[in-house]
PDB file of N, CA and C in Angstrom:
ATOM      1  N   MET A   1     111.674 121.318  86.134  1.00  0.00           N
ATOM      2  CA  MET A   1     110.298 120.879  86.201  1.00  0.00           C
ATOM      3  C   MET A   1     109.954 120.164  84.901  1.00  0.00           C
ATOM      4  N   LYS A   2     109.326 118.988  84.994  1.00  0.00           N
ATOM      5  CA  LYS A   2     108.984 118.219  83.810  1.00  0.00           C
ATOM      6  C   LYS A   2     107.623 118.644  83.281  1.00  0.00           C
ATOM      7  N   GLY A   3     107.499 118.648  81.961  1.00  0.00           N
ATOM      8  CA  GLY A   3     106.217 118.926  81.338  1.00  0.00           C
ATOM      9  C   GLY A   3     105.794 120.380  81.465  1.00  0.00           C
ATOM     10  N   LYS A   4     104.641 120.665  80.881  1.00  0.00           N
ATOM     11  CA  LYS A   4     104.102 122.015  80.924  1.00  0.00           C
ATOM     12  C   LYS A   4     103.171 122.162  82.112  1.00  0.00           C
ATOM     13  N   LEU A   5     103.063 123.388  82.560  1.00  0.00           N
ATOM     14  CA  LEU A   5     102.173 123.676  83.682  1.00  0.00           C
ATOM     15  C   LEU A   5     100.743 123.832  83.192  1.00  0.00           C
ATOM     16  N   SER A   6      99.804 123.394  84.001  1.00  0.00           N
ATOM     17  CA  SER A   6      98.395 123.603  83.696  1.00  0.00           C
ATOM     18  C   SER A   6      98.061 125.076  83.946  1.00  0.00           C
ATOM     19  N   ARG A   7      96.888 125.494  83.525  1.00  0.00           N
ATOM     20  CA  ARG A   7      96.461 126.874  83.746  1.00  0.00           C
ATOM     21  C   ARG A   7      96.445 127.181  85.240  1.00  0.00           C
ATOM     22  N   GLU A   8      95.913 126.246  86.021  1.00  0.00           N
ATOM     23  CA  GLU A   8      95.835 126.445  87.463  1.00  0.00           C
ATOM     24  C   GLU A   8      97.235 126.562  88.077  1.00  0.00           C
ATOM     25  N   GLU A   9      98.159 125.728  87.628  1.00  0.00           N
ATOM     26  CA  GLU A   9      99.529 125.789  88.139  1.00  0.00           C
ATOM     27  C   GLU A   9     100.206 127.104  87.759  1.00  0.00           C
ATOM     28  N   LYS A  10      99.944 127.594  86.549  1.00  0.00           N
ATOM     29  CA  LYS A  10     100.510 128.876  86.114  1.00  0.00           C
ATOM     30  C   LYS A  10      99.978 130.019  86.976  1.00  0.00           C
ATOM     31  N   GLU A  11      98.679 129.980  87.266  1.00  0.00           N
ATOM     32  CA  GLU A  11      98.079 131.019  88.105  1.00  0.00           C
ATOM     33  C   GLU A  11      98.675 130.990  89.510  1.00  0.00           C
ATOM     34  N   LEU A  12      98.842 129.807  90.049  1.00  0.00           N
ATOM     35  CA  LEU A  12      99.430 129.657  91.374  1.00  0.00           C
ATOM     36  C   LEU A  12     100.863 130.171  91.391  1.00  0.00           C
ATOM     37  N   LEU A  13     101.646 129.795  90.398  1.00  0.00           N
ATOM     38  CA  LEU A  13     103.034 130.253  90.309  1.00  0.00           C
ATOM     39  C   LEU A  13     103.098 131.777  90.200  1.00  0.00           C
ATOM     40  N   ALA A  14     102.246 132.367  89.389  1.00  0.00           N
ATOM     41  CA  ALA A  14     102.223 133.824  89.238  1.00  0.00           C
ATOM     42  C   ALA A  14     101.876 134.498  90.560  1.00  0.00           C
ATOM     43  N   SER A  15     100.947 133.911  91.299  1.00  0.00           N
ATOM     44  CA  SER A  15     100.547 134.453  92.586  1.00  0.00           C
ATOM     45  C   SER A  15     101.704 134.419  93.580  1.00  0.00           C
ATOM     46  N   VAL A  16     102.417 133.308  93.616  1.00  0.00           N
ATOM     47  CA  VAL A  16     103.576 133.180  94.516  1.00  0.00           C
ATOM     48  C   VAL A  16     104.651 134.184  94.130  1.00  0.00           C
ATOM     49  N   GLU A  17     104.949 134.269  92.838  1.00  0.00           N
ATOM     50  CA  GLU A  17     105.996 135.182  92.360  1.00  0.00           C
ATOM     51  C   GLU A  17     105.623 136.647  92.574  1.00  0.00           C
ATOM     52  N   ALA A  18     104.321 136.948  92.613  1.00  0.00           N
ATOM     53  CA  ALA A  18     103.865 138.322  92.836  1.00  0.00           C
ATOM     54  C   ALA A  18     103.896 138.691  94.322  1.00  0.00           C
ATOM     55  N   GLY A  19     104.290 137.740  95.164  1.00  0.00           N
ATOM     56  CA  GLY A  19     104.387 138.014  96.593  1.00  0.00           C
ATOM     57  C   GLY A  19     103.061 138.018  97.319  1.00  0.00           C
ATOM     58  N   GLU A  20     102.062 137.347  96.758  1.00  0.00           N
ATOM     59  CA  GLU A  20     100.740 137.327  97.365  1.00  0.00           C
ATOM     60  C   GLU A  20     100.621 136.310  98.501  1.00  0.00           C
ATOM     61  N   TRP A  21     101.656 135.545  98.753  1.00  0.00           N
ATOM     62  CA  TRP A  21     101.626 134.512  99.783  1.00  0.00           C
ATOM     63  C   TRP A  21     102.481 134.949 100.963  1.00  0.00           C
ATOM     64  N   ARG A  22     102.009 134.655 102.147  1.00  0.00           N
ATOM     65  CA  ARG A  22     102.737 134.991 103.373  1.00  0.00           C
ATOM     66  C   ARG A  22     102.855 133.739 104.236  1.00  0.00           C
ATOM     67  N   SER A  23     103.937 133.652 104.961  1.00  0.00           N
ATOM     68  CA  SER A  23     104.120 132.536 105.894  1.00  0.00           C
ATOM     69  C   SER A  23     103.150 132.686 107.056  1.00  0.00           C
ATOM     70  N   VAL A  24     102.680 131.573 107.538  1.00  0.00           N
ATOM     71  CA  VAL A  24     101.776 131.540 108.681  1.00  0.00           C
ATOM     72  C   VAL A  24     102.616 131.593 109.946  1.00  0.00           C
ATOM     73  N   PRO A  25     102.236 132.416 110.926  1.00  0.00           N
ATOM     74  CA  PRO A  25     102.998 132.442 112.183  1.00  0.00           C
ATOM     75  C   PRO A  25     103.054 131.041 112.796  1.00  0.00           C
ATOM     76  N   GLY A  26     104.227 130.644 113.223  1.00  0.00           N
ATOM     77  CA  GLY A  26     104.402 129.319 113.813  1.00  0.00           C
ATOM     78  C   GLY A  26     104.488 128.208 112.787  1.00  0.00           C
ATOM     79  N   GLY A  27     104.547 128.557 111.533  1.00  0.00           N
ATOM     80  CA  GLY A  27     104.569 127.565 110.461  1.00  0.00           C
ATOM     81  C   GLY A  27     105.779 126.652 110.497  1.00  0.00           C
ATOM     82  N   GLU A  28     106.930 127.209 110.817  1.00  0.00           N
ATOM     83  CA  GLU A  28     108.158 126.397 110.856  1.00  0.00           C
ATOM     84  C   GLU A  28     108.075 125.356 111.973  1.00  0.00           C
ATOM     85  N   ALA A  29     107.586 125.741 113.131  1.00  0.00           N
ATOM     86  CA  ALA A  29     107.445 124.795 114.243  1.00  0.00           C
ATOM     87  C   ALA A  29     106.444 123.696 113.884  1.00  0.00           C
ATOM     88  N   ARG A  30     105.341 124.099 113.232  1.00  0.00           N
ATOM     89  CA  ARG A  30     104.345 123.115 112.797  1.00  0.00           C
ATOM     90  C   ARG A  30     104.929 122.153 111.784  1.00  0.00           C
ATOM     91  N   ARG A  31     105.698 122.688 110.822  1.00  0.00           N
ATOM     92  CA  ARG A  31     106.322 121.849 109.795  1.00  0.00           C
ATOM     93  C   ARG A  31     107.236 120.821 110.442  1.00  0.00           C
ATOM     94  N   LYS A  32     108.040 121.243 111.417  1.00  0.00           N
ATOM     95  CA  LYS A  32     108.951 120.324 112.094  1.00  0.00           C
ATOM     96  C   LYS A  32     108.182 119.253 112.859  1.00  0.00           C
ATOM     97  N   ARG A  33     107.084 119.660 113.525  1.00  0.00           N
ATOM     98  CA  ARG A  33     106.276 118.692 114.267  1.00  0.00           C
ATOM     99  C   ARG A  33     105.680 117.662 113.318  1.00  0.00           C
ATOM    100  N   TYR A  34     105.123 118.100 112.194  1.00  0.00           N
ATOM    101  CA  TYR A  34     104.536 117.178 111.229  1.00  0.00           C
ATOM    102  C   TYR A  34     105.610 116.274 110.623  1.00  0.00           C
ATOM    103  N   GLN A  35     106.790 116.824 110.412  1.00  0.00           N
ATOM    104  CA  GLN A  35     107.884 116.021 109.865  1.00  0.00           C
ATOM    105  C   GLN A  35     108.264 114.905 110.842  1.00  0.00           C
ATOM    106  N   ARG A  36     108.359 115.223 112.139  1.00  0.00           N
ATOM    107  CA  ARG A  36     108.673 114.206 113.155  1.00  0.00           C
ATOM    108  C   ARG A  36     107.582 113.140 113.208  1.00  0.00           C
ATOM    109  N   GLN A  37     106.320 113.568 113.118  1.00  0.00           N
ATOM    110  CA  GLN A  37     105.214 112.611 113.153  1.00  0.00           C
ATOM    111  C   GLN A  37     105.255 111.688 111.932  1.00  0.00           C
ATOM    112  N   ALA A  38     105.547 112.251 110.778  1.00  0.00           N
ATOM    113  CA  ALA A  38     105.619 111.433 109.563  1.00  0.00           C
ATOM    114  C   ALA A  38     106.764 110.433 109.647  1.00  0.00           C
ATOM    115  N   GLN A  39     107.906 110.878 110.156  1.00  0.00           N
ATOM    116  CA  GLN A  39     109.039 109.971 110.286  1.00  0.00           C
ATOM    117  C   GLN A  39     108.710 108.834 111.248  1.00  0.00           C
ATOM    118  N   ALA A  40     108.055 109.135 112.341  1.00  0.00           N
ATOM    119  CA  ALA A  40     107.688 108.093 113.307  1.00  0.00           C
ATOM    120  C   ALA A  40     106.679 107.124 112.698  1.00  0.00           C
ATOM    121  N   MET A  41     105.745 107.663 111.929  1.00  0.00           N
ATOM    122  CA  MET A  41     104.721 106.825 111.322  1.00  0.00           C
ATOM    123  C   MET A  41     105.312 105.846 110.318  1.00  0.00           C
ATOM    124  N   PHE A  42     106.313 106.283 109.580  1.00  0.00           N
ATOM    125  CA  PHE A  42     106.861 105.450 108.522  1.00  0.00           C
ATOM    126  C   PHE A  42     108.071 104.635 108.957  1.00  0.00           C
ATOM    127  N   ARG A  43     108.463 104.739 110.223  1.00  0.00           N
ATOM    128  CA  ARG A  43     109.574 103.933 110.722  1.00  0.00           C
ATOM    129  C   ARG A  43     109.082 102.494 110.820  1.00  0.00           C
ATOM    130  N   LYS A  44     109.777 101.635 110.138  1.00  0.00           N
ATOM    131  CA  LYS A  44     109.388 100.226 110.135  1.00  0.00           C
ATOM    132  C   LYS A  44     110.480  99.441 110.826  1.00  0.00           C
ATOM    133  N   ASP A  45     110.204  99.005 112.046  1.00  0.00           N
ATOM    134  CA  ASP A  45     111.242  98.335 112.811  1.00  0.00           C
ATOM    135  C   ASP A  45     110.852  96.905 113.197  1.00  0.00           C
ATOM    136  N   ARG A  46     109.717  96.425 112.718  1.00  0.00           N
ATOM    137  CA  ARG A  46     109.293  95.058 113.023  1.00  0.00           C
ATOM    138  C   ARG A  46     108.814  94.374 111.744  1.00  0.00           C
ATOM    139  N   ARG A  47     109.101  93.106 111.641  1.00  0.00           N
ATOM    140  CA  ARG A  47     108.664  92.312 110.492  1.00  0.00           C
ATOM    141  C   ARG A  47     107.562  91.365 110.963  1.00  0.00           C
ATOM    142  N   VAL A  48     106.513  91.225 110.155  1.00  0.00           N
ATOM    143  CA  VAL A  48     105.398  90.360 110.488  1.00  0.00           C
ATOM    144  C   VAL A  48     105.128  89.439 109.304  1.00  0.00           C
ATOM    145  N   SER A  49     104.823  88.207 109.595  1.00  0.00           N
ATOM    146  CA  SER A  49     104.453  87.248 108.558  1.00  0.00           C
ATOM    147  C   SER A  49     103.049  86.767 108.867  1.00  0.00           C
ATOM    148  N   LEU A  50     102.178  86.753 107.869  1.00  0.00           N
ATOM    149  CA  LEU A  50     100.825  86.277 108.101  1.00  0.00           C
ATOM    150  C   LEU A  50     100.293  85.586 106.867  1.00  0.00           C
ATOM    151  N   ARG A  51      99.324  84.746 107.075  1.00  0.00           N
ATOM    152  CA  ARG A  51      98.665  84.061 105.961  1.00  0.00           C
ATOM    153  C   ARG A  51      97.367  84.804 105.673  1.00  0.00           C
ATOM    154  N   ILE A  52      97.069  84.930 104.378  1.00  0.00           N
ATOM    155  CA  ILE A  52      95.866  85.636 103.959  1.00  0.00           C
ATOM    156  C   ILE A  52      95.245  84.852 102.805  1.00  0.00           C
ATOM    157  N   ALA A  53      93.943  84.823 102.741  1.00  0.00           N
ATOM    158  CA  ALA A  53      93.253  84.090 101.674  1.00  0.00           C
ATOM    159  C   ALA A  53      93.614  84.690 100.318  1.00  0.00           C
ATOM    160  N   THR A  54      93.814  83.822  99.338  1.00  0.00           N
ATOM    161  CA  THR A  54      94.207  84.269  97.997  1.00  0.00           C
ATOM    162  C   THR A  54      93.260  85.324  97.428  1.00  0.00           C
ATOM    163  N   PRO A  55      91.932  85.134  97.506  1.00  0.00           N
ATOM    164  CA  PRO A  55      91.042  86.168  96.951  1.00  0.00           C
ATOM    165  C   PRO A  55      91.218  87.530  97.640  1.00  0.00           C
ATOM    166  N   ASP A  56      91.455  87.517  98.950  1.00  0.00           N
ATOM    167  CA  ASP A  56      91.657  88.781  99.673  1.00  0.00           C
ATOM    168  C   ASP A  56      92.942  89.459  99.221  1.00  0.00           C
ATOM    169  N   LEU A  57      94.014  88.675  99.112  1.00  0.00           N
ATOM    170  CA  LEU A  57      95.291  89.239  98.676  1.00  0.00           C
ATOM    171  C   LEU A  57      95.177  89.802  97.265  1.00  0.00           C
ATOM    172  N   GLU A  58      94.529  89.068  96.380  1.00  0.00           N
ATOM    173  CA  GLU A  58      94.367  89.544  94.998  1.00  0.00           C
ATOM    174  C   GLU A  58      93.534  90.825  94.954  1.00  0.00           C
ATOM    175  N   ALA A  59      92.515  90.911  95.801  1.00  0.00           N
ATOM    176  CA  ALA A  59      91.694  92.129  95.849  1.00  0.00           C
ATOM    177  C   ALA A  59      92.525  93.310  96.339  1.00  0.00           C
ATOM    178  N   ILE A  60      93.342  93.071  97.358  1.00  0.00           N
ATOM    179  CA  ILE A  60      94.211  94.140  97.872  1.00  0.00           C
ATOM    180  C   ILE A  60      95.214  94.558  96.808  1.00  0.00           C
ATOM    181  N   GLN A  61      95.783  93.604  96.091  1.00  0.00           N
ATOM    182  CA  GLN A  61      96.739  93.929  95.039  1.00  0.00           C
ATOM    183  C   GLN A  61      96.078  94.760  93.937  1.00  0.00           C
ATOM    184  N   ARG A  62      94.835  94.424  93.580  1.00  0.00           N
ATOM    185  CA  ARG A  62      94.123  95.215  92.564  1.00  0.00           C
ATOM    186  C   ARG A  62      93.873  96.639  93.060  1.00  0.00           C
ATOM    187  N   ARG A  63      93.423  96.761  94.314  1.00  0.00           N
ATOM    188  CA  ARG A  63      93.159  98.095  94.868  1.00  0.00           C
ATOM    189  C   ARG A  63      94.438  98.911  94.935  1.00  0.00           C
ATOM    190  N   ALA A  64      95.543  98.270  95.317  1.00  0.00           N
ATOM    191  CA  ALA A  64      96.834  98.966  95.387  1.00  0.00           C
ATOM    192  C   ALA A  64      97.255  99.440  94.006  1.00  0.00           C
ATOM    193  N   ALA A  65      97.042  98.607  92.992  1.00  0.00           N
ATOM    194  CA  ALA A  65      97.401  98.996  91.627  1.00  0.00           C
ATOM    195  C   ALA A  65      96.611 100.220  91.187  1.00  0.00           C
ATOM    196  N   VAL A  66      95.329 100.258  91.534  1.00  0.00           N
ATOM    197  CA  VAL A  66      94.494 101.417  91.196  1.00  0.00           C
ATOM    198  C   VAL A  66      95.025 102.671  91.890  1.00  0.00           C
ATOM    199  N   GLU A  67      95.465 102.510  93.137  1.00  0.00           N
ATOM    200  CA  GLU A  67      96.004 103.639  93.903  1.00  0.00           C
ATOM    201  C   GLU A  67      97.423 104.001  93.476  1.00  0.00           C
ATOM    202  N   GLY A  68      98.085 103.093  92.742  1.00  0.00           N
ATOM    203  CA  GLY A  68      99.442 103.370  92.274  1.00  0.00           C
ATOM    204  C   GLY A  68     100.499 103.190  93.345  1.00  0.00           C
ATOM    205  N   LEU A  69     100.299 102.202  94.230  1.00  0.00           N
ATOM    206  CA  LEU A  69     101.303 101.948  95.255  1.00  0.00           C
ATOM    207  C   LEU A  69     101.448 100.455  95.488  1.00  0.00           C
ATOM    208  N   PRO A  70     102.577 100.057  96.069  1.00  0.00           N
ATOM    209  CA  PRO A  70     102.787  98.632  96.338  1.00  0.00           C
ATOM    210  C   PRO A  70     101.737  98.095  97.310  1.00  0.00           C
ATOM    211  N   TYR A  71     101.346  96.830  97.107  1.00  0.00           N
ATOM    212  CA  TYR A  71     100.290  96.284  97.959  1.00  0.00           C
ATOM    213  C   TYR A  71     100.720  96.185  99.415  1.00  0.00           C
ATOM    214  N   GLN A  72     102.020  95.960  99.671  1.00  0.00           N
ATOM    215  CA  GLN A  72     102.476  95.902 101.062  1.00  0.00           C
ATOM    216  C   GLN A  72     102.291  97.260 101.740  1.00  0.00           C
ATOM    217  N   THR A  73     102.512  98.333 100.994  1.00  0.00           N
ATOM    218  CA  THR A  73     102.329  99.684 101.527  1.00  0.00           C
ATOM    219  C   THR A  73     100.862  99.917 101.861  1.00  0.00           C
ATOM    220  N   LEU A  74      99.976  99.480 100.973  1.00  0.00           N
ATOM    221  CA  LEU A  74      98.543  99.620 101.230  1.00  0.00           C
ATOM    222  C   LEU A  74      98.147  98.827 102.473  1.00  0.00           C
ATOM    223  N   MET A  75      98.628  97.608 102.593  1.00  0.00           N
ATOM    224  CA  MET A  75      98.297  96.786 103.758  1.00  0.00           C
ATOM    225  C   MET A  75      98.810  97.439 105.044  1.00  0.00           C
ATOM    226  N   GLY A  76     100.026  97.964 105.000  1.00  0.00           N
ATOM    227  CA  GLY A  76     100.577  98.646 106.175  1.00  0.00           C
ATOM    228  C   GLY A  76      99.755  99.864 106.551  1.00  0.00           C
ATOM    229  N   SER A  77      99.311 100.603 105.532  1.00  0.00           N
ATOM    230  CA  SER A  77      98.496 101.794 105.774  1.00  0.00           C
ATOM    231  C   SER A  77      97.159 101.416 106.405  1.00  0.00           C
ATOM    232  N   ILE A  78      96.544 100.363 105.903  1.00  0.00           N
ATOM    233  CA  ILE A  78      95.267  99.899 106.453  1.00  0.00           C
ATOM    234  C   ILE A  78      95.444  99.510 107.921  1.00  0.00           C
ATOM    235  N   LEU A  79      96.494  98.740 108.203  1.00  0.00           N
ATOM    236  CA  LEU A  79      96.740  98.310 109.579  1.00  0.00           C
ATOM    237  C   LEU A  79      97.028  99.507 110.490  1.00  0.00           C
ATOM    238  N   HIS A  80      97.795 100.462 109.980  1.00  0.00           N
ATOM    239  CA  HIS A  80      98.109 101.650 110.778  1.00  0.00           C
ATOM    240  C   HIS A  80      96.834 102.427 111.116  1.00  0.00           C
ATOM    241  N   LYS A  81      96.000 102.655 110.116  1.00  0.00           N
ATOM    242  CA  LYS A  81      94.757 103.395 110.354  1.00  0.00           C
ATOM    243  C   LYS A  81      93.866 102.659 111.343  1.00  0.00           C
ATOM    244  N   TYR A  82      93.788 101.341 111.229  1.00  0.00           N
ATOM    245  CA  TYR A  82      92.974 100.563 112.162  1.00  0.00           C
ATOM    246  C   TYR A  82      93.527 100.679 113.577  1.00  0.00           C
ATOM    247  N   ALA A  83      94.853 100.559 113.709  1.00  0.00           N
ATOM    248  CA  ALA A  83      95.490 100.638 115.030  1.00  0.00           C
ATOM    249  C   ALA A  83      95.270 102.010 115.666  1.00  0.00           C
ATOM    250  N   GLN A  84      95.182 103.050 114.850  1.00  0.00           N
ATOM    251  CA  GLN A  84      94.975 104.412 115.344  1.00  0.00           C
ATOM    252  C   GLN A  84      93.495 104.733 115.570  1.00  0.00           C
ATOM    253  N   GLY A  85      92.614 103.770 115.264  1.00  0.00           N
ATOM    254  CA  GLY A  85      91.181 103.995 115.438  1.00  0.00           C
ATOM    255  C   GLY A  85      90.555 104.827 114.344  1.00  0.00           C
ATOM    256  N   ARG A  86      91.259 104.961 113.229  1.00  0.00           N
ATOM    257  CA  ARG A  86      90.744 105.786 112.123  1.00  0.00           C
ATOM    258  C   ARG A  86      90.112 104.943 111.012  1.00  0.00           C
ATOM    259  N   LEU A  87      90.077 103.622 111.200  1.00  0.00           N
ATOM    260  CA  LEU A  87      89.471 102.740 110.203  1.00  0.00           C
ATOM    261  C   LEU A  87      88.496 101.845 110.935  1.00  0.00           C
ATOM    262  N   ARG A  88      87.252 101.932 110.542  1.00  0.00           N
ATOM    263  CA  ARG A  88      86.215 101.159 111.228  1.00  0.00           C
ATOM    264  C   ARG A  88      85.378 100.412 110.207  1.00  0.00           C
ATOM    265  N   GLU A  89      84.769  99.326 110.644  1.00  0.00           N
ATOM    266  CA  GLU A  89      83.877  98.563 109.792  1.00  0.00           C
ATOM    267  C   GLU A  89      82.636  99.389 109.499  1.00  0.00           C
ATOM    268  N   SER A  90      82.158  99.295 108.273  1.00  0.00           N
ATOM    269  CA  SER A  90      80.943 100.052 107.928  1.00  0.00           C
ATOM    270  C   SER A  90      79.711  99.209 108.096  1.00  0.00           C
TER     271      SER A  90
END
């Protein structure tokens, strides 16, 4: 583990080591289901090319930098959320 643990992390670690945590019934099945969903979500099997206005692209690149991720990843995430109906115009 890199670096020192924060107070909160130390408390959490002590709690786990003291045996205060228990597995949730059905947790393994849930973990596998979520893992399959994540793999399906991140499977990239199609390439798309599109033109976008320079100011829009620069704004997306700035927002991605603030979030600490590549701008293509941010754009893909936005499109995915919109396609799933989870992103709407305000």
